[in-house]
C-alpha atoms as a PDB file:
ATOM      1  CA  UNK A   1     -12.537 -10.149  -9.951  1.00  0.00           C
ATOM      2  CA  UNK A   2     -12.171  -7.743  -7.017  1.00  0.00           C
ATOM      3  CA  UNK A   3     -10.875  -4.165  -7.237  1.00  0.00           C
ATOM      4  CA  UNK A   4      -7.334  -5.152  -6.236  1.00  0.00           C
ATOM      5  CA  UNK A   5      -7.098  -7.742  -8.978  1.00  0.00           C
ATOM      6  CA  UNK A   6      -8.390  -5.153 -11.462  1.00  0.00           C
ATOM      7  CA  UNK A   7      -5.374  -2.978 -10.657  1.00  0.00           C
ATOM      8  CA  UNK A   8      -2.736  -5.699 -10.963  1.00  0.00           C
ATOM      9  CA  UNK A   9      -4.169  -8.022 -13.653  1.00  0.00           C
ATOM     10  CA  UNK A  10      -3.626  -5.656 -16.638  1.00  0.00           C
ATOM     11  CA  UNK A  11       0.110  -5.512 -15.865  1.00  0.00           C
ATOM     12  CA  UNK A  12       2.305  -7.848 -17.908  1.00  0.00           C
ATOM     13  CA  UNK A  13       4.485  -8.177 -14.787  1.00  0.00           C
ATOM     14  CA  UNK A  14       3.029  -7.407 -11.341  1.00  0.00           C
ATOM     15  CA  UNK A  15       4.527  -4.198  -9.926  1.00  0.00           C
ATOM     16  CA  UNK A  16       7.138  -4.386  -7.165  1.00  0.00           C
ATOM     17  CA  UNK A  17       5.642  -1.338  -5.417  1.00  0.00           C
ATOM     18  CA  UNK A  18       2.169   0.185  -5.525  1.00  0.00           C
ATOM     19  CA  UNK A  19       2.293   3.665  -3.976  1.00  0.00           C
ATOM     20  CA  UNK A  20      -0.778   5.479  -2.655  1.00  0.00           C
ATOM     21  CA  UNK A  21      -1.213   9.070  -1.548  1.00  0.00           C
ATOM     22  CA  UNK A  22      -3.717  10.722   0.786  1.00  0.00           C
ATOM     23  CA  UNK A  23      -4.191   7.508   2.755  1.00  0.00           C
ATOM     24  CA  UNK A  24      -4.770   8.845   6.308  1.00  0.00           C
ATOM     25  CA  UNK A  25      -4.936   5.463   8.043  1.00  0.00           C
ATOM     26  CA  UNK A  26      -6.780   5.434  11.375  1.00  0.00           C
ATOM     27  CA  UNK A  27      -6.754   2.768  14.084  1.00  0.00           C
ATOM     28  CA  UNK A  28     -10.216   1.716  12.918  1.00  0.00           C
ATOM     29  CA  UNK A  29      -9.268   1.620   9.213  1.00  0.00           C
ATOM     30  CA  UNK A  30      -9.515  -1.684   7.423  1.00  0.00           C
ATOM     31  CA  UNK A  31      -6.442  -2.275   5.279  1.00  0.00           C
ATOM     32  CA  UNK A  32      -7.015  -4.374   2.180  1.00  0.00           C
ATOM     33  CA  UNK A  33      -4.555  -7.215   1.766  1.00  0.00           C
ATOM     34  CA  UNK A  34      -2.899  -8.070  -1.515  1.00  0.00           C
ATOM     35  CA  UNK A  35      -1.446 -11.578  -1.753  1.00  0.00           C
ATOM     36  CA  UNK A  36       2.339 -11.377  -2.089  1.00  0.00           C
ATOM     37  CA  UNK A  37       2.557  -7.795  -0.759  1.00  0.00           C
ATOM     38  CA  UNK A  38       3.153  -6.095   2.586  1.00  0.00           C
ATOM     39  CA  UNK A  39       1.489  -2.763   3.323  1.00  0.00           C
ATOM     40  CA  UNK A  40       3.305   0.100   5.037  1.00  0.00           C
ATOM     41  CA  UNK A  41       2.076   3.615   5.681  1.00  0.00           C
ATOM     42  CA  UNK A  42       3.078   6.926   7.198  1.00  0.00           C
ATOM     43  CA  UNK A  43       0.392   9.394   8.197  1.00  0.00           C
ATOM     44  CA  UNK A  44       0.975  13.100   7.799  1.00  0.00           C
ATOM     45  CA  UNK A  45       1.577  15.106  10.980  1.00  0.00           C
ATOM     46  CA  UNK A  46      -1.272  17.366   9.843  1.00  0.00           C
ATOM     47  CA  UNK A  47      -4.886  16.385   9.259  1.00  0.00           C
ATOM     48  CA  UNK A  48      -4.056  15.866   5.595  1.00  0.00           C
ATOM     49  CA  UNK A  49      -3.503  12.409   4.170  1.00  0.00           C
ATOM     50  CA  UNK A  50      -0.390  10.336   4.257  1.00  0.00           C
ATOM     51  CA  UNK A  51       1.515   7.850   2.163  1.00  0.00           C
ATOM     52  CA  UNK A  52       0.993   4.148   1.818  1.00  0.00           C
ATOM     53  CA  UNK A  53       2.650   1.456  -0.229  1.00  0.00           C
ATOM     54  CA  UNK A  54       2.127  -2.176  -1.050  1.00  0.00           C
ATOM     55  CA  UNK A  55       5.592  -3.686  -1.444  1.00  0.00           C
ATOM     56  CA  UNK A  56       6.291  -7.180  -2.731  1.00  0.00           C
ATOM     57  CA  UNK A  57       7.196  -9.665  -0.002  1.00  0.00           C
ATOM     58  CA  UNK A  58      10.629 -10.376  -1.488  1.00  0.00           C
ATOM     59  CA  UNK A  59      11.846  -6.839  -0.618  1.00  0.00           C
ATOM     60  CA  UNK A  60      13.374  -6.008   2.743  1.00  0.00           C
ATOM     61  CA  UNK A  61      11.758  -2.797   4.002  1.00  0.00           C
ATOM     62  CA  UNK A  62      12.463  -0.503   6.916  1.00  0.00           C
ATOM     63  CA  UNK A  63      10.848   2.769   7.885  1.00  0.00           C
ATOM     64  CA  UNK A  64      12.306   5.849   9.513  1.00  0.00           C
ATOM     65  CA  UNK A  65      10.686   8.632  11.482  1.00  0.00           C
END
C-alpha cells in the first residue's frame, strides 16, 4: 500500500476533496496522482507555500486569479 492509499483507505467513503496547505509547487515538482482525482494548486505570491487540492473527477472545477 502506498502513502496515498494509506490516506484514503481508512475512510468509509473516499473524500470528495483532499486539501493541502504549504504546497509551493515548482515547475520541476512531481505531482503525485490519485486515481479518480484531479489536482489543482495555487502558489502564494510570496515565497511561502500555497494551496493544493485533489478533487474527485465528478466535480466541475474552475479557478480564479
